Amino acid sequence: MAETAVIVTSSKQSGQRAATIPWQWIAGNFSFAKQRLNYAAGGNRCSHSN
């Protein structure tokens, strides 16, 4: 949460161009979280047989 607040504050100071950065960061973290959820659900067991 603290990191997000810092990004939002700096984007307000820097203007519109910087305001696109949090969206890319959020999207990256969201897709990473989805991968983690897949692993937690056992998706890695289905895709690779050890």
Protein backbone atom coordinates (compact mmCIF):
# COMPACT_ATOMS: atom_id res chain seq x y z
CA MET A 1 0.00 0.00 0.00
CA ALA A 2 2.79 2.43 0.88
CA GLU A 3 4.45 1.79 -2.49
CA THR A 4 1.21 2.57 -4.33
CA ALA A 5 0.81 5.83 -2.43
CA VAL A 6 4.34 6.88 -3.39
CA ILE A 7 3.70 6.07 -7.06
CA VAL A 8 0.42 7.99 -7.09
CA THR A 9 1.99 11.02 -5.41
CA SER A 10 4.94 11.12 -7.80
CA SER A 11 2.65 10.67 -10.81
CA LYS A 12 0.59 13.68 -9.73
CA GLN A 13 3.77 15.76 -9.58
CA SER A 14 5.22 14.49 -12.85
CA GLY A 15 2.03 14.74 -14.91
CA GLN A 16 0.12 12.53 -17.31
CA ARG A 17 3.08 10.57 -18.68
CA ALA A 18 4.01 9.26 -15.24
CA ALA A 19 0.35 8.49 -14.52
CA THR A 20 0.53 5.56 -16.96
CA ILE A 21 3.22 3.84 -14.87
CA PRO A 22 0.95 2.70 -11.99
CA TRP A 23 -1.40 1.00 -14.47
CA GLN A 24 1.46 -1.01 -15.97
CA TRP A 25 2.68 -1.86 -12.47
CA ILE A 26 -0.82 -2.94 -11.36
CA ALA A 27 -1.34 -5.02 -14.51
CA GLY A 28 2.03 -6.73 -14.02
CA ASN A 29 1.30 -7.52 -10.39
CA PHE A 30 -2.19 -8.75 -11.27
CA SER A 31 -0.96 -11.22 -13.89
CA PHE A 32 1.76 -12.38 -11.49
CA ALA A 33 -0.87 -12.89 -8.78
CA LYS A 34 -2.97 -14.94 -11.21
CA GLN A 35 0.02 -17.17 -11.90
CA ARG A 36 0.56 -17.61 -8.17
CA LEU A 37 -3.12 -18.54 -7.76
CA ASN A 38 -2.77 -21.10 -10.54
CA TYR A 39 0.16 -22.70 -8.74
CA ALA A 40 -1.73 -22.64 -5.44
CA ALA A 41 -4.68 -24.35 -7.12
CA GLY A 42 -2.38 -27.14 -8.34
CA GLY A 43 -2.00 -25.92 -11.92
CA ASN A 44 1.71 -26.74 -11.87
CA ARG A 45 0.94 -30.36 -10.96
CA CYS A 46 -1.29 -30.69 -14.01
CA SER A 47 1.11 -29.05 -16.46
CA HIS A 48 4.34 -30.71 -15.37
CA SER A 49 4.40 -34.27 -14.09
CA ASN A 50 7.39 -34.55 -11.76
